[in-house]
């Protein structure tokens, strides 16, 4: 499935709004834990094992480059 940049931007915006709402209702740490679990499950389901392992290694290696959101999310 080919997704355009515009579609990806809309998906990102929609998901960010949903995550913002959920963190207000349940807390940032709980929501983040569920998001990480679901993301890894999607990768593991969609990728061959070698590609999944490379993806997880790449995520780990980028930990110092992750940016924070402009507003505080931990309450």
C-alpha atoms as a PDB file:
ATOM      1  CA  UNK A   1       0.000   0.000   0.000  1.00  0.00           C
ATOM      2  CA  UNK A   2       1.468   3.314  -1.059  1.00  0.00           C
ATOM      3  CA  UNK A   3       0.699   6.180   1.280  1.00  0.00           C
ATOM      4  CA  UNK A   4       1.337   9.776   0.273  1.00  0.00           C
ATOM      5  CA  UNK A   5       3.217  12.280   2.424  1.00  0.00           C
ATOM      6  CA  UNK A   6      -0.052  14.165   2.929  1.00  0.00           C
ATOM      7  CA  UNK A   7      -1.762  10.988   4.164  1.00  0.00           C
ATOM      8  CA  UNK A   8       1.139  10.258   6.531  1.00  0.00           C
ATOM      9  CA  UNK A   9       0.986  13.807   7.898  1.00  0.00           C
ATOM     10  CA  UNK A  10      -2.759  13.420   8.502  1.00  0.00           C
ATOM     11  CA  UNK A  11      -2.252  10.037  10.165  1.00  0.00           C
ATOM     12  CA  UNK A  12       0.468  11.525  12.396  1.00  0.00           C
ATOM     13  CA  UNK A  13      -1.784  14.473  13.327  1.00  0.00           C
ATOM     14  CA  UNK A  14      -4.745  12.199  14.093  1.00  0.00           C
ATOM     15  CA  UNK A  15      -2.654   9.818  16.159  1.00  0.00           C
ATOM     16  CA  UNK A  16      -1.012  12.677  18.073  1.00  0.00           C
ATOM     17  CA  UNK A  17      -4.430  14.120  18.918  1.00  0.00           C
ATOM     18  CA  UNK A  18      -5.613  10.697  20.076  1.00  0.00           C
ATOM     19  CA  UNK A  19      -2.473  10.136  22.157  1.00  0.00           C
ATOM     20  CA  UNK A  20      -2.795  13.607  23.703  1.00  0.00           C
ATOM     21  CA  UNK A  21      -6.391  12.853  24.675  1.00  0.00           C
ATOM     22  CA  UNK A  22      -5.455   9.448  26.112  1.00  0.00           C
ATOM     23  CA  UNK A  23      -2.527  10.842  28.144  1.00  0.00           C
ATOM     24  CA  UNK A  24      -4.923  13.349  29.697  1.00  0.00           C
ATOM     25  CA  UNK A  25      -7.311  10.557  30.614  1.00  0.00           C
ATOM     26  CA  UNK A  26      -4.906   7.781  31.635  1.00  0.00           C
ATOM     27  CA  UNK A  27      -1.429   9.252  32.042  1.00  0.00           C
ATOM     28  CA  UNK A  28       1.575   9.534  29.759  1.00  0.00           C
ATOM     29  CA  UNK A  29       3.520   6.526  31.026  1.00  0.00           C
ATOM     30  CA  UNK A  30       0.580   4.137  30.658  1.00  0.00           C
ATOM     31  CA  UNK A  31      -0.217   5.355  27.147  1.00  0.00           C
ATOM     32  CA  UNK A  32       3.435   5.253  26.058  1.00  0.00           C
ATOM     33  CA  UNK A  33       3.833   1.681  27.324  1.00  0.00           C
ATOM     34  CA  UNK A  34       0.802   0.537  25.336  1.00  0.00           C
ATOM     35  CA  UNK A  35       1.927   2.418  22.222  1.00  0.00           C
ATOM     36  CA  UNK A  36       5.402   0.830  22.368  1.00  0.00           C
ATOM     37  CA  UNK A  37       3.955  -2.645  22.859  1.00  0.00           C
ATOM     38  CA  UNK A  38       1.556  -2.216  19.949  1.00  0.00           C
ATOM     39  CA  UNK A  39       4.228  -0.714  17.673  1.00  0.00           C
ATOM     40  CA  UNK A  40       6.637  -3.577  18.331  1.00  0.00           C
ATOM     41  CA  UNK A  41       3.830  -6.103  17.769  1.00  0.00           C
ATOM     42  CA  UNK A  42       3.001  -4.495  14.418  1.00  0.00           C
ATOM     43  CA  UNK A  43       6.665  -4.550  13.364  1.00  0.00           C
ATOM     44  CA  UNK A  44       7.036  -8.171  14.477  1.00  0.00           C
ATOM     45  CA  UNK A  45       3.873  -9.177  12.585  1.00  0.00           C
ATOM     46  CA  UNK A  46       4.753  -7.279   9.395  1.00  0.00           C
ATOM     47  CA  UNK A  47       8.509  -7.902   9.063  1.00  0.00           C
ATOM     48  CA  UNK A  48      10.676 -10.969   8.618  1.00  0.00           C
ATOM     49  CA  UNK A  49      12.631 -11.781  11.785  1.00  0.00           C
ATOM     50  CA  UNK A  50      15.939 -10.320  10.548  1.00  0.00           C
ATOM     51  CA  UNK A  51      14.256  -7.064   9.516  1.00  0.00           C
ATOM     52  CA  UNK A  52      12.390  -6.894  12.832  1.00  0.00           C
ATOM     53  CA  UNK A  53      15.649  -7.324  14.745  1.00  0.00           C
ATOM     54  CA  UNK A  54      17.305  -4.595  12.652  1.00  0.00           C
ATOM     55  CA  UNK A  55      14.332  -2.294  13.288  1.00  0.00           C
ATOM     56  CA  UNK A  56      14.505  -2.800  17.050  1.00  0.00           C
ATOM     57  CA  UNK A  57      18.287  -2.279  17.015  1.00  0.00           C
ATOM     58  CA  UNK A  58      17.822   0.901  14.973  1.00  0.00           C
ATOM     59  CA  UNK A  59      15.172   2.208  17.387  1.00  0.00           C
ATOM     60  CA  UNK A  60      17.516   1.566  20.297  1.00  0.00           C
ATOM     61  CA  UNK A  61      20.470   3.240  18.594  1.00  0.00           C
ATOM     62  CA  UNK A  62      18.420   6.403  17.952  1.00  0.00           C
ATOM     63  CA  UNK A  63      17.410   6.884  21.615  1.00  0.00           C
ATOM     64  CA  UNK A  64      19.604   9.980  22.041  1.00  0.00           C
ATOM     65  CA  UNK A  65      18.077  11.618  18.958  1.00  0.00           C
ATOM     66  CA  UNK A  66      14.440  11.402  20.070  1.00  0.00           C
ATOM     67  CA  UNK A  67      12.915  14.836  20.532  1.00  0.00           C
ATOM     68  CA  UNK A  68      10.483  15.854  23.248  1.00  0.00           C
ATOM     69  CA  UNK A  69       7.080  17.398  22.642  1.00  0.00           C
ATOM     70  CA  UNK A  70       6.804  21.172  22.973  1.00  0.00           C
ATOM     71  CA  UNK A  71       4.490  20.983  25.945  1.00  0.00           C
ATOM     72  CA  UNK A  72       4.899  18.920  29.100  1.00  0.00           C
ATOM     73  CA  UNK A  73       3.004  15.630  28.949  1.00  0.00           C
ATOM     74  CA  UNK A  74       3.921  14.124  32.306  1.00  0.00           C
ATOM     75  CA  UNK A  75       1.601  15.260  35.065  1.00  0.00           C
END
